[in-house]
């Protein structure tokens, strides 16, 4: 399955690095977070800017809770296909890994519900 990284394309990176350093930073903006995001904020209408968070948002606890609930026990991947070692999965704590495994689990379960046959 192809995974796209639009902000790592040569075209985007060339344009980003071509911006003068002074244009990347917005000293007139009210918070340090916004000042470092000057180019993005300049693209938005004022009514949207007023609604933006004024500091970096962290969702670690929310992601951890969602990740813990994402993988059914026993996981279809580990139990039926041998794609993931059950012991390693049981010790995994990184929410991004658990959410990715949960997404694959959901996809596989949906495929089985629609009549697909899984083979190792």
PDB file of N, CA and C in Angstrom:
ATOM      1  N   UNK A   1       0.847  -1.158   0.000  1.00  0.00           N
ATOM      2  CA  UNK A   1       0.000   0.000   0.000  1.00  0.00           C
ATOM      3  C   UNK A   1       0.907   1.240   0.000  1.00  0.00           C
ATOM      4  N   UNK A   2       0.685   2.113  -0.948  1.00  0.00           N
ATOM      5  CA  UNK A   2       1.515   3.299  -1.056  1.00  0.00           C
ATOM      6  C   UNK A   2       1.191   4.287   0.060  1.00  0.00           C
ATOM      7  N   UNK A   3       2.229   4.905   0.596  1.00  0.00           N
ATOM      8  CA  UNK A   3       2.057   5.920   1.625  1.00  0.00           C
ATOM      9  C   UNK A   3       2.636   7.217   1.085  1.00  0.00           C
ATOM     10  N   UNK A   4       1.851   8.269   1.093  1.00  0.00           N
ATOM     11  CA  UNK A   4       2.273   9.543   0.514  1.00  0.00           C
ATOM     12  C   UNK A   4       2.863  10.463   1.583  1.00  0.00           C
ATOM     13  N   UNK A   5       3.896  11.168   1.208  1.00  0.00           N
ATOM     14  CA  UNK A   5       4.538  12.152   2.076  1.00  0.00           C
ATOM     15  C   UNK A   5       4.641  13.472   1.313  1.00  0.00           C
ATOM     16  N   UNK A   6       3.533  14.201   1.167  1.00  0.00           N
ATOM     17  CA  UNK A   6       3.541  15.392   0.315  1.00  0.00           C
ATOM     18  C   UNK A   6       4.527  16.476   0.762  1.00  0.00           C
ATOM     19  N   UNK A   7       4.828  16.544   2.042  1.00  0.00           N
ATOM     20  CA  UNK A   7       5.735  17.591   2.518  1.00  0.00           C
ATOM     21  C   UNK A   7       7.195  17.201   2.385  1.00  0.00           C
ATOM     22  N   UNK A   8       7.454  16.004   1.863  1.00  0.00           N
ATOM     23  CA  UNK A   8       8.827  15.576   1.638  1.00  0.00           C
ATOM     24  C   UNK A   8       9.155  15.462   0.152  1.00  0.00           C
ATOM     25  N   UNK A   9       8.261  15.945  -0.705  1.00  0.00           N
ATOM     26  CA  UNK A   9       8.552  15.915  -2.132  1.00  0.00           C
ATOM     27  C   UNK A   9       9.609  16.961  -2.455  1.00  0.00           C
ATOM     28  N   UNK A  10      10.351  16.715  -3.506  1.00  0.00           N
ATOM     29  CA  UNK A  10      11.413  17.641  -3.899  1.00  0.00           C
ATOM     30  C   UNK A  10      10.853  19.033  -4.192  1.00  0.00           C
ATOM     31  N   UNK A  11       9.695  19.097  -4.831  1.00  0.00           N
ATOM     32  CA  UNK A  11       9.087  20.390  -5.161  1.00  0.00           C
ATOM     33  C   UNK A  11       8.759  21.184  -3.906  1.00  0.00           C
ATOM     34  N   UNK A  12       8.113  20.533  -2.953  1.00  0.00           N
ATOM     35  CA  UNK A  12       7.740  21.233  -1.722  1.00  0.00           C
ATOM     36  C   UNK A  12       8.976  21.657  -0.938  1.00  0.00           C
ATOM     37  N   UNK A  13       9.911  20.730  -0.759  1.00  0.00           N
ATOM     38  CA  UNK A  13      11.107  21.048   0.013  1.00  0.00           C
ATOM     39  C   UNK A  13      11.916  22.172  -0.632  1.00  0.00           C
ATOM     40  N   UNK A  14      12.025  22.165  -1.947  1.00  0.00           N
ATOM     41  CA  UNK A  14      12.748  23.235  -2.635  1.00  0.00           C
ATOM     42  C   UNK A  14      12.097  24.587  -2.369  1.00  0.00           C
ATOM     43  N   UNK A  15      10.769  24.612  -2.443  1.00  0.00           N
ATOM     44  CA  UNK A  15      10.057  25.864  -2.185  1.00  0.00           C
ATOM     45  C   UNK A  15      10.223  26.310  -0.735  1.00  0.00           C
ATOM     46  N   UNK A  16      10.137  25.368   0.187  1.00  0.00           N
ATOM     47  CA  UNK A  16      10.271  25.712   1.612  1.00  0.00           C
ATOM     48  C   UNK A  16      11.663  26.239   1.933  1.00  0.00           C
ATOM     49  N   UNK A  17      12.687  25.562   1.428  1.00  0.00           N
ATOM     50  CA  UNK A  17      14.058  26.000   1.709  1.00  0.00           C
ATOM     51  C   UNK A  17      14.402  27.292   0.987  1.00  0.00           C
ATOM     52  N   UNK A  18      13.674  27.611  -0.083  1.00  0.00           N
ATOM     53  CA  UNK A  18      13.934  28.854  -0.818  1.00  0.00           C
ATOM     54  C   UNK A  18      13.384  30.083  -0.090  1.00  0.00           C
ATOM     55  N   UNK A  19      12.468  29.858   0.861  1.00  0.00           N
ATOM     56  CA  UNK A  19      11.924  30.994   1.614  1.00  0.00           C
ATOM     57  C   UNK A  19      13.037  31.623   2.458  1.00  0.00           C
ATOM     58  N   UNK A  20      13.160  32.940   2.394  1.00  0.00           N
ATOM     59  CA  UNK A  20      14.143  33.585   3.278  1.00  0.00           C
ATOM     60  C   UNK A  20      13.794  33.312   4.738  1.00  0.00           C
ATOM     61  N   UNK A  21      14.806  33.153   5.549  1.00  0.00           N
ATOM     62  CA  UNK A  21      14.603  32.842   6.963  1.00  0.00           C
ATOM     63  C   UNK A  21      13.683  33.855   7.631  1.00  0.00           C
ATOM     64  N   UNK A  22      13.841  35.103   7.290  1.00  0.00           N
ATOM     65  CA  UNK A  22      13.009  36.153   7.895  1.00  0.00           C
ATOM     66  C   UNK A  22      11.528  35.975   7.563  1.00  0.00           C
ATOM     67  N   UNK A  23      11.224  35.338   6.431  1.00  0.00           N
ATOM     68  CA  UNK A  23       9.825  35.111   6.058  1.00  0.00           C
ATOM     69  C   UNK A  23       9.223  33.884   6.726  1.00  0.00           C
ATOM     70  N   UNK A  24      10.063  33.035   7.258  1.00  0.00           N
ATOM     71  CA  UNK A  24       9.566  31.828   7.926  1.00  0.00           C
ATOM     72  C   UNK A  24       9.101  32.119   9.340  1.00  0.00           C
ATOM     73  N   UNK A  25       9.522  33.214   9.889  1.00  0.00           N
ATOM     74  CA  UNK A  25       9.233  33.573  11.283  1.00  0.00           C
ATOM     75  C   UNK A  25       8.382  34.828  11.287  1.00  0.00           C
ATOM     76  N   UNK A  26       7.396  34.895  12.155  1.00  0.00           N
ATOM     77  CA  UNK A  26       6.506  36.051  12.230  1.00  0.00           C
ATOM     78  C   UNK A  26       6.611  36.766  13.564  1.00  0.00           C
ATOM     79  N   UNK A  27       7.570  37.669  13.722  1.00  0.00           N
ATOM     80  CA  UNK A  27       7.772  38.313  15.027  1.00  0.00           C
ATOM     81  C   UNK A  27       6.555  39.092  15.523  1.00  0.00           C
ATOM     82  N   UNK A  28       5.658  39.458  14.625  1.00  0.00           N
ATOM     83  CA  UNK A  28       4.466  40.228  15.007  1.00  0.00           C
ATOM     84  C   UNK A  28       3.363  39.356  15.609  1.00  0.00           C
ATOM     85  N   UNK A  29       3.478  38.052  15.489  1.00  0.00           N
ATOM     86  CA  UNK A  29       2.433  37.152  15.989  1.00  0.00           C
ATOM     87  C   UNK A  29       2.509  37.032  17.515  1.00  0.00           C
ATOM     88  N   UNK A  30       1.362  36.798  18.168  1.00  0.00           N
ATOM     89  CA  UNK A  30       1.285  36.909  19.627  1.00  0.00           C
ATOM     90  C   UNK A  30       1.930  35.789  20.451  1.00  0.00           C
ATOM     91  N   UNK A  31       2.133  34.599  19.883  1.00  0.00           N
ATOM     92  CA  UNK A  31       2.727  33.517  20.678  1.00  0.00           C
ATOM     93  C   UNK A  31       3.925  32.916  19.943  1.00  0.00           C
ATOM     94  N   UNK A  32       4.825  32.307  20.694  1.00  0.00           N
ATOM     95  CA  UNK A  32       6.005  31.681  20.097  1.00  0.00           C
ATOM     96  C   UNK A  32       5.588  30.589  19.106  1.00  0.00           C
ATOM     97  N   UNK A  33       4.552  29.841  19.452  1.00  0.00           N
ATOM     98  CA  UNK A  33       4.077  28.774  18.583  1.00  0.00           C
ATOM     99  C   UNK A  33       3.631  29.340  17.242  1.00  0.00           C
ATOM    100  N   UNK A  34       2.829  30.402  17.273  1.00  0.00           N
ATOM    101  CA  UNK A  34       2.362  31.026  16.040  1.00  0.00           C
ATOM    102  C   UNK A  34       3.513  31.666  15.272  1.00  0.00           C
ATOM    103  N   UNK A  35       4.447  32.281  15.983  1.00  0.00           N
ATOM    104  CA  UNK A  35       5.563  32.939  15.303  1.00  0.00           C
ATOM    105  C   UNK A  35       6.351  31.949  14.451  1.00  0.00           C
ATOM    106  N   UNK A  36       6.467  30.712  14.924  1.00  0.00           N
ATOM    107  CA  UNK A  36       7.187  29.672  14.169  1.00  0.00           C
ATOM    108  C   UNK A  36       6.345  29.091  13.035  1.00  0.00           C
ATOM    109  N   UNK A  37       5.070  29.403  13.009  1.00  0.00           N
ATOM    110  CA  UNK A  37       4.159  28.899  11.982  1.00  0.00           C
ATOM    111  C   UNK A  37       3.649  30.043  11.100  1.00  0.00           C
ATOM    112  N   UNK A  38       4.435  31.090  10.955  1.00  0.00           N
ATOM    113  CA  UNK A  38       3.997  32.307  10.272  1.00  0.00           C
ATOM    114  C   UNK A  38       3.478  32.050   8.863  1.00  0.00           C
ATOM    115  N   UNK A  39       4.145  31.209   8.104  1.00  0.00           N
ATOM    116  CA  UNK A  39       3.715  30.952   6.729  1.00  0.00           C
ATOM    117  C   UNK A  39       2.349  30.269   6.678  1.00  0.00           C
ATOM    118  N   UNK A  40       2.119  29.336   7.570  1.00  0.00           N
ATOM    119  CA  UNK A  40       0.831  28.638   7.601  1.00  0.00           C
ATOM    120  C   UNK A  40      -0.271  29.591   8.048  1.00  0.00           C
ATOM    121  N   UNK A  41      -0.009  30.345   9.072  1.00  0.00           N
ATOM    122  CA  UNK A  41      -1.010  31.275   9.600  1.00  0.00           C
ATOM    123  C   UNK A  41      -1.357  32.351   8.576  1.00  0.00           C
ATOM    124  N   UNK A  42      -0.383  32.765   7.778  1.00  0.00           N
ATOM    125  CA  UNK A  42      -0.645  33.800   6.770  1.00  0.00           C
ATOM    126  C   UNK A  42      -1.621  33.330   5.695  1.00  0.00           C
ATOM    127  N   UNK A  43      -1.790  32.029   5.539  1.00  0.00           N
ATOM    128  CA  UNK A  43      -2.700  31.481   4.536  1.00  0.00           C
ATOM    129  C   UNK A  43      -4.152  31.454   5.002  1.00  0.00           C
ATOM    130  N   UNK A  44      -4.390  31.642   6.290  1.00  0.00           N
ATOM    131  CA  UNK A  44      -5.724  31.460   6.858  1.00  0.00           C
ATOM    132  C   UNK A  44      -6.452  32.784   7.036  1.00  0.00           C
ATOM    133  N   UNK A  45      -7.776  32.759   6.853  1.00  0.00           N
ATOM    134  CA  UNK A  45      -8.560  33.973   7.120  1.00  0.00           C
ATOM    135  C   UNK A  45      -8.564  34.296   8.622  1.00  0.00           C
ATOM    136  N   UNK A  46      -8.721  35.562   8.955  1.00  0.00           N
ATOM    137  CA  UNK A  46      -8.675  36.020  10.347  1.00  0.00           C
ATOM    138  C   UNK A  46      -9.607  35.270  11.281  1.00  0.00           C
ATOM    139  N   UNK A  47     -10.808  34.961  10.823  1.00  0.00           N
ATOM    140  CA  UNK A  47     -11.768  34.261  11.698  1.00  0.00           C
ATOM    141  C   UNK A  47     -11.253  32.872  12.066  1.00  0.00           C
ATOM    142  N   UNK A  48     -10.503  32.247  11.170  1.00  0.00           N
ATOM    143  CA  UNK A  48      -9.925  30.933  11.456  1.00  0.00           C
ATOM    144  C   UNK A  48      -8.751  31.083  12.418  1.00  0.00           C
ATOM    145  N   UNK A  49      -7.909  32.071  12.171  1.00  0.00           N
ATOM    146  CA  UNK A  49      -6.731  32.290  13.010  1.00  0.00           C
ATOM    147  C   UNK A  49      -7.142  32.500  14.465  1.00  0.00           C
ATOM    148  N   UNK A  50      -8.211  33.243  14.681  1.00  0.00           N
ATOM    149  CA  UNK A  50      -8.665  33.503  16.064  1.00  0.00           C
ATOM    150  C   UNK A  50      -9.039  32.219  16.799  1.00  0.00           C
ATOM    151  N   UNK A  51      -9.404  31.180  16.061  1.00  0.00           N
ATOM    152  CA  UNK A  51      -9.821  29.917  16.677  1.00  0.00           C
ATOM    153  C   UNK A  51      -8.671  28.925  16.857  1.00  0.00           C
ATOM    154  N   UNK A  52      -7.502  29.234  16.332  1.00  0.00           N
ATOM    155  CA  UNK A  52      -6.371  28.305  16.412  1.00  0.00           C
ATOM    156  C   UNK A  52      -5.828  28.202  17.832  1.00  0.00           C
ATOM    157  N   UNK A  53      -5.296  27.027  18.192  1.00  0.00           N
ATOM    158  CA  UNK A  53      -4.649  26.903  19.503  1.00  0.00           C
ATOM    159  C   UNK A  53      -3.416  27.806  19.543  1.00  0.00           C
ATOM    160  N   UNK A  54      -3.141  28.374  20.691  1.00  0.00           N
ATOM    161  CA  UNK A  54      -2.017  29.301  20.831  1.00  0.00           C
ATOM    162  C   UNK A  54      -0.737  28.593  21.273  1.00  0.00           C
ATOM    163  N   UNK A  55      -0.832  27.288  21.505  1.00  0.00           N
ATOM    164  CA  UNK A  55       0.359  26.518  21.860  1.00  0.00           C
ATOM    165  C   UNK A  55       0.236  25.142  21.226  1.00  0.00           C
ATOM    166  N   UNK A  56       1.345  24.432  21.171  1.00  0.00           N
ATOM    167  CA  UNK A  56       1.380  23.088  20.594  1.00  0.00           C
ATOM    168  C   UNK A  56       0.414  22.186  21.349  1.00  0.00           C
ATOM    169  N   UNK A  57      -0.388  21.454  20.612  1.00  0.00           N
ATOM    170  CA  UNK A  57      -1.339  20.523  21.210  1.00  0.00           C
ATOM    171  C   UNK A  57      -0.723  19.127  21.261  1.00  0.00           C
ATOM    172  N   UNK A  58      -0.811  18.504  22.404  1.00  0.00           N
ATOM    173  CA  UNK A  58      -0.313  17.138  22.574  1.00  0.00           C
ATOM    174  C   UNK A  58      -1.497  16.240  22.901  1.00  0.00           C
ATOM    175  N   UNK A  59      -1.546  15.115  22.260  1.00  0.00           N
ATOM    176  CA  UNK A  59      -2.668  14.202  22.433  1.00  0.00           C
ATOM    177  C   UNK A  59      -2.196  12.846  22.933  1.00  0.00           C
ATOM    178  N   UNK A  60      -1.128  12.833  23.693  1.00  0.00           N
ATOM    179  CA  UNK A  60      -0.506  11.582  24.116  1.00  0.00           C
ATOM    180  C   UNK A  60      -1.472  10.683  24.881  1.00  0.00           C
ATOM    181  N   UNK A  61      -2.163  11.219  25.879  1.00  0.00           N
ATOM    182  CA  UNK A  61      -3.073  10.382  26.672  1.00  0.00           C
ATOM    183  C   UNK A  61      -4.231   9.861  25.833  1.00  0.00           C
ATOM    184  N   UNK A  62      -4.792  10.737  25.001  1.00  0.00           N
ATOM    185  CA  UNK A  62      -5.903  10.329  24.151  1.00  0.00           C
ATOM    186  C   UNK A  62      -5.461   9.235  23.186  1.00  0.00           C
ATOM    187  N   UNK A  63      -4.281   9.421  22.572  1.00  0.00           N
ATOM    188  CA  UNK A  63      -3.774   8.408  21.657  1.00  0.00           C
ATOM    189  C   UNK A  63      -3.510   7.094  22.380  1.00  0.00           C
ATOM    190  N   UNK A  64      -2.963   7.171  23.566  1.00  0.00           N
ATOM    191  CA  UNK A  64      -2.679   5.948  24.328  1.00  0.00           C
ATOM    192  C   UNK A  64      -3.971   5.186  24.638  1.00  0.00           C
ATOM    193  N   UNK A  65      -5.021   5.902  25.037  1.00  0.00           N
ATOM    194  CA  UNK A  65      -6.306   5.245  25.323  1.00  0.00           C
ATOM    195  C   UNK A  65      -6.885   4.619  24.054  1.00  0.00           C
ATOM    196  N   UNK A  66      -6.836   5.372  22.958  1.00  0.00           N
ATOM    197  CA  UNK A  66      -7.374   4.870  21.703  1.00  0.00           C
ATOM    198  C   UNK A  66      -6.566   3.669  21.216  1.00  0.00           C
ATOM    199  N   UNK A  67      -5.261   3.742  21.382  1.00  0.00           N
ATOM    200  CA  UNK A  67      -4.390   2.647  20.936  1.00  0.00           C
ATOM    201  C   UNK A  67      -4.659   1.383  21.738  1.00  0.00           C
ATOM    202  N   UNK A  68      -4.867   1.524  23.031  1.00  0.00           N
ATOM    203  CA  UNK A  68      -5.117   0.359  23.876  1.00  0.00           C
ATOM    204  C   UNK A  68      -6.399  -0.354  23.462  1.00  0.00           C
ATOM    205  N   UNK A  69      -7.365   0.402  22.972  1.00  0.00           N
ATOM    206  CA  UNK A  69      -8.647  -0.186  22.571  1.00  0.00           C
ATOM    207  C   UNK A  69      -8.663  -0.625  21.111  1.00  0.00           C
ATOM    208  N   UNK A  70      -7.625  -0.287  20.346  1.00  0.00           N
ATOM    209  CA  UNK A  70      -7.645  -0.514  18.901  1.00  0.00           C
ATOM    210  C   UNK A  70      -7.444  -1.958  18.494  1.00  0.00           C
ATOM    211  N   UNK A  71      -6.763  -2.730  19.314  1.00  0.00           N
ATOM    212  CA  UNK A  71      -6.399  -4.090  18.905  1.00  0.00           C
ATOM    213  C   UNK A  71      -7.226  -5.113  19.659  1.00  0.00           C
ATOM    214  N   UNK A  72      -8.034  -5.882  18.935  1.00  0.00           N
ATOM    215  CA  UNK A  72      -8.815  -6.929  19.608  1.00  0.00           C
ATOM    216  C   UNK A  72      -7.896  -8.036  20.114  1.00  0.00           C
ATOM    217  N   UNK A  73      -8.333  -8.724  21.132  1.00  0.00           N
ATOM    218  CA  UNK A  73      -7.567  -9.843  21.678  1.00  0.00           C
ATOM    219  C   UNK A  73      -8.310 -11.131  21.395  1.00  0.00           C
ATOM    220  N   UNK A  74      -7.715 -12.168  20.850  1.00  0.00           N
ATOM    221  CA  UNK A  74      -6.372 -12.124  20.277  1.00  0.00           C
ATOM    222  C   UNK A  74      -6.414 -11.417  18.931  1.00  0.00           C
ATOM    223  N   UNK A  75      -5.332 -10.746  18.580  1.00  0.00           N
ATOM    224  CA  UNK A  75      -5.326 -10.049  17.296  1.00  0.00           C
ATOM    225  C   UNK A  75      -5.367 -11.027  16.124  1.00  0.00           C
ATOM    226  N   UNK A  76      -6.136 -10.702  15.138  1.00  0.00           N
ATOM    227  CA  UNK A  76      -6.233 -11.525  13.936  1.00  0.00           C
ATOM    228  C   UNK A  76      -4.864 -11.642  13.262  1.00  0.00           C
ATOM    229  N   UNK A  77      -4.122 -10.548  13.241  1.00  0.00           N
ATOM    230  CA  UNK A  77      -2.804 -10.567  12.601  1.00  0.00           C
ATOM    231  C   UNK A  77      -1.903 -11.612  13.233  1.00  0.00           C
ATOM    232  N   UNK A  78      -1.791 -11.572  14.538  1.00  0.00           N
ATOM    233  CA  UNK A  78      -0.875 -12.484  15.234  1.00  0.00           C
ATOM    234  C   UNK A  78      -1.431 -13.896  15.268  1.00  0.00           C
ATOM    235  N   UNK A  79      -2.698 -14.021  15.563  1.00  0.00           N
ATOM    236  CA  UNK A  79      -3.283 -15.344  15.753  1.00  0.00           C
ATOM    237  C   UNK A  79      -3.390 -16.129  14.451  1.00  0.00           C
ATOM    238  N   UNK A  80      -3.858 -15.509  13.407  1.00  0.00           N
ATOM    239  CA  UNK A  80      -4.158 -16.242  12.182  1.00  0.00           C
ATOM    240  C   UNK A  80      -3.096 -16.143  11.099  1.00  0.00           C
ATOM    241  N   UNK A  81      -2.440 -15.008  11.000  1.00  0.00           N
ATOM    242  CA  UNK A  81      -1.522 -14.804   9.879  1.00  0.00           C
ATOM    243  C   UNK A  81      -0.049 -14.842  10.254  1.00  0.00           C
ATOM    244  N   UNK A  82       0.248 -14.688  11.521  1.00  0.00           N
ATOM    245  CA  UNK A  82       1.644 -14.678  11.925  1.00  0.00           C
ATOM    246  C   UNK A  82       2.403 -13.452  11.451  1.00  0.00           C
ATOM    247  N   UNK A  83       1.696 -12.364  11.195  1.00  0.00           N
ATOM    248  CA  UNK A  83       2.358 -11.139  10.721  1.00  0.00           C
ATOM    249  C   UNK A  83       3.071 -10.391  11.839  1.00  0.00           C
ATOM    250  N   UNK A  84       2.537 -10.523  13.027  1.00  0.00           N
ATOM    251  CA  UNK A  84       3.108  -9.812  14.170  1.00  0.00           C
ATOM    252  C   UNK A  84       3.291 -10.806  15.300  1.00  0.00           C
ATOM    253  N   UNK A  85       4.424 -10.779  15.933  1.00  0.00           N
ATOM    254  CA  UNK A  85       4.715 -11.692  17.042  1.00  0.00           C
ATOM    255  C   UNK A  85       3.857 -11.271  18.241  1.00  0.00           C
ATOM    256  N   UNK A  86       2.999 -12.176  18.744  1.00  0.00           N
ATOM    257  CA  UNK A  86       2.098 -11.820  19.842  1.00  0.00           C
ATOM    258  C   UNK A  86       2.829 -11.290  21.079  1.00  0.00           C
ATOM    259  N   UNK A  87       3.961 -11.862  21.408  1.00  0.00           N
ATOM    260  CA  UNK A  87       4.717 -11.403  22.574  1.00  0.00           C
ATOM    261  C   UNK A  87       5.239  -9.995  22.405  1.00  0.00           C
ATOM    262  N   UNK A  88       5.723  -9.695  21.224  1.00  0.00           N
ATOM    263  CA  UNK A  88       6.218  -8.345  20.954  1.00  0.00           C
ATOM    264  C   UNK A  88       5.074  -7.345  20.990  1.00  0.00           C
ATOM    265  N   UNK A  89       3.944  -7.716  20.409  1.00  0.00           N
ATOM    266  CA  UNK A  89       2.790  -6.831  20.400  1.00  0.00           C
ATOM    267  C   UNK A  89       2.292  -6.565  21.825  1.00  0.00           C
ATOM    268  N   UNK A  90       2.305  -7.571  22.664  1.00  0.00           N
ATOM    269  CA  UNK A  90       1.843  -7.415  24.044  1.00  0.00           C
ATOM    270  C   UNK A  90       2.711  -6.425  24.819  1.00  0.00           C
ATOM    271  N   UNK A  91       3.994  -6.319  24.453  1.00  0.00           N
ATOM    272  CA  UNK A  91       4.908  -5.403  25.151  1.00  0.00           C
ATOM    273  C   UNK A  91       4.954  -4.013  24.526  1.00  0.00           C
ATOM    274  N   UNK A  92       4.370  -3.850  23.341  1.00  0.00           N
ATOM    275  CA  UNK A  92       4.450  -2.570  22.627  1.00  0.00           C
ATOM    276  C   UNK A  92       3.653  -1.493  23.350  1.00  0.00           C
ATOM    277  N   UNK A  93       4.236  -0.303  23.501  1.00  0.00           N
ATOM    278  CA  UNK A  93       3.571   0.806  24.183  1.00  0.00           C
ATOM    279  C   UNK A  93       3.452   2.052  23.311  1.00  0.00           C
ATOM    280  N   UNK A  94       4.104   2.061  22.156  1.00  0.00           N
ATOM    281  CA  UNK A  94       4.076   3.240  21.284  1.00  0.00           C
ATOM    282  C   UNK A  94       2.686   3.364  20.662  1.00  0.00           C
ATOM    283  N   UNK A  95       1.948   4.438  20.988  1.00  0.00           N
ATOM    284  CA  UNK A  95       0.587   4.581  20.447  1.00  0.00           C
ATOM    285  C   UNK A  95       0.533   4.568  18.926  1.00  0.00           C
ATOM    286  N   UNK A  96       1.534   5.122  18.255  1.00  0.00           N
ATOM    287  CA  UNK A  96       1.480   5.147  16.793  1.00  0.00           C
ATOM    288  C   UNK A  96       1.587   3.730  16.219  1.00  0.00           C
ATOM    289  N   UNK A  97       2.388   2.876  16.829  1.00  0.00           N
ATOM    290  CA  UNK A  97       2.510   1.490  16.379  1.00  0.00           C
ATOM    291  C   UNK A  97       1.199   0.754  16.661  1.00  0.00           C
ATOM    292  N   UNK A  98       0.669   0.922  17.863  1.00  0.00           N
ATOM    293  CA  UNK A  98      -0.571   0.227  18.224  1.00  0.00           C
ATOM    294  C   UNK A  98      -1.745   0.680  17.358  1.00  0.00           C
ATOM    295  N   UNK A  99      -1.820   1.971  17.061  1.00  0.00           N
ATOM    296  CA  UNK A  99      -2.897   2.458  16.200  1.00  0.00           C
ATOM    297  C   UNK A  99      -2.753   1.923  14.776  1.00  0.00           C
ATOM    298  N   UNK A 100      -1.517   1.820  14.286  1.00  0.00           N
ATOM    299  CA  UNK A 100      -1.300   1.270  12.946  1.00  0.00           C
ATOM    300  C   UNK A 100      -1.713  -0.196  12.900  1.00  0.00           C
ATOM    301  N   UNK A 101      -1.324  -0.951  13.915  1.00  0.00           N
ATOM    302  CA  UNK A 101      -1.719  -2.361  13.975  1.00  0.00           C
ATOM    303  C   UNK A 101      -3.246  -2.460  14.081  1.00  0.00           C
ATOM    304  N   UNK A 102      -3.844  -1.618  14.886  1.00  0.00           N
ATOM    305  CA  UNK A 102      -5.306  -1.614  15.017  1.00  0.00           C
ATOM    306  C   UNK A 102      -6.003  -1.310  13.703  1.00  0.00           C
ATOM    307  N   UNK A 103      -5.440  -0.381  12.920  1.00  0.00           N
ATOM    308  CA  UNK A 103      -6.029  -0.043  11.615  1.00  0.00           C
ATOM    309  C   UNK A 103      -5.947  -1.230  10.661  1.00  0.00           C
ATOM    310  N   UNK A 104      -4.822  -1.940  10.681  1.00  0.00           N
ATOM    311  CA  UNK A 104      -4.678  -3.123   9.827  1.00  0.00           C
ATOM    312  C   UNK A 104      -5.645  -4.212  10.288  1.00  0.00           C
ATOM    313  N   UNK A 105      -5.761  -4.369  11.606  1.00  0.00           N
ATOM    314  CA  UNK A 105      -6.714  -5.352  12.158  1.00  0.00           C
ATOM    315  C   UNK A 105      -8.130  -5.047  11.667  1.00  0.00           C
ATOM    316  N   UNK A 106      -8.516  -3.793  11.763  1.00  0.00           N
ATOM    317  CA  UNK A 106      -9.866  -3.400  11.347  1.00  0.00           C
ATOM    318  C   UNK A 106     -10.078  -3.690   9.864  1.00  0.00           C
ATOM    319  N   UNK A 107      -9.070  -3.394   9.059  1.00  0.00           N
ATOM    320  CA  UNK A 107      -9.159  -3.631   7.619  1.00  0.00           C
ATOM    321  C   UNK A 107      -9.306  -5.127   7.339  1.00  0.00           C
ATOM    322  N   UNK A 108      -8.472  -5.940   8.001  1.00  0.00           N
ATOM    323  CA  UNK A 108      -8.529  -7.392   7.787  1.00  0.00           C
ATOM    324  C   UNK A 108      -9.865  -7.965   8.237  1.00  0.00           C
ATOM    325  N   UNK A 109     -10.342  -7.533   9.387  1.00  0.00           N
ATOM    326  CA  UNK A 109     -11.631  -8.035   9.870  1.00  0.00           C
ATOM    327  C   UNK A 109     -12.761  -7.658   8.913  1.00  0.00           C
ATOM    328  N   UNK A 110     -12.694  -6.433   8.383  1.00  0.00           N
ATOM    329  CA  UNK A 110     -13.699  -6.020   7.386  1.00  0.00           C
ATOM    330  C   UNK A 110     -13.623  -6.872   6.135  1.00  0.00           C
ATOM    331  N   UNK A 111     -12.414  -7.205   5.720  1.00  0.00           N
ATOM    332  CA  UNK A 111     -12.237  -8.051   4.536  1.00  0.00           C
ATOM    333  C   UNK A 111     -12.847  -9.430   4.778  1.00  0.00           C
ATOM    334  N   UNK A 112     -12.591  -9.997   5.951  1.00  0.00           N
ATOM    335  CA  UNK A 112     -13.135 -11.328   6.295  1.00  0.00           C
ATOM    336  C   UNK A 112     -14.660 -11.265   6.333  1.00  0.00           C
ATOM    337  N   UNK A 113     -15.223 -10.215   6.925  1.00  0.00           N
ATOM    338  CA  UNK A 113     -16.675 -10.064   6.984  1.00  0.00           C
ATOM    339  C   UNK A 113     -17.304  -9.987   5.585  1.00  0.00           C
ATOM    340  N   UNK A 114     -16.525  -9.507   4.622  1.00  0.00           N
ATOM    341  CA  UNK A 114     -17.018  -9.380   3.257  1.00  0.00           C
ATOM    342  C   UNK A 114     -16.684 -10.603   2.400  1.00  0.00           C
ATOM    343  N   UNK A 115     -16.152 -11.651   3.036  1.00  0.00           N
ATOM    344  CA  UNK A 115     -15.936 -12.909   2.342  1.00  0.00           C
ATOM    345  C   UNK A 115     -14.509 -13.227   1.949  1.00  0.00           C
ATOM    346  N   UNK A 116     -13.554 -12.403   2.297  1.00  0.00           N
ATOM    347  CA  UNK A 116     -12.151 -12.682   1.950  1.00  0.00           C
ATOM    348  C   UNK A 116     -11.644 -13.853   2.780  1.00  0.00           C
ATOM    349  N   UNK A 117     -10.710 -14.580   2.207  1.00  0.00           N
ATOM    350  CA  UNK A 117     -10.057 -15.677   2.907  1.00  0.00           C
ATOM    351  C   UNK A 117      -8.610 -15.265   3.165  1.00  0.00           C
ATOM    352  N   UNK A 118      -8.174 -15.375   4.400  1.00  0.00           N
ATOM    353  CA  UNK A 118      -6.815 -14.996   4.759  1.00  0.00           C
ATOM    354  C   UNK A 118      -5.929 -16.226   4.741  1.00  0.00           C
ATOM    355  N   UNK A 119      -4.750 -16.082   4.168  1.00  0.00           N
ATOM    356  CA  UNK A 119      -3.790 -17.176   4.163  1.00  0.00           C
ATOM    357  C   UNK A 119      -2.442 -16.660   4.648  1.00  0.00           C
ATOM    358  N   UNK A 120      -1.734 -17.508   5.366  1.00  0.00           N
ATOM    359  CA  UNK A 120      -0.430 -17.119   5.910  1.00  0.00           C
ATOM    360  C   UNK A 120       0.601 -17.054   4.811  1.00  0.00           C
TER     361      UNK A 120
END
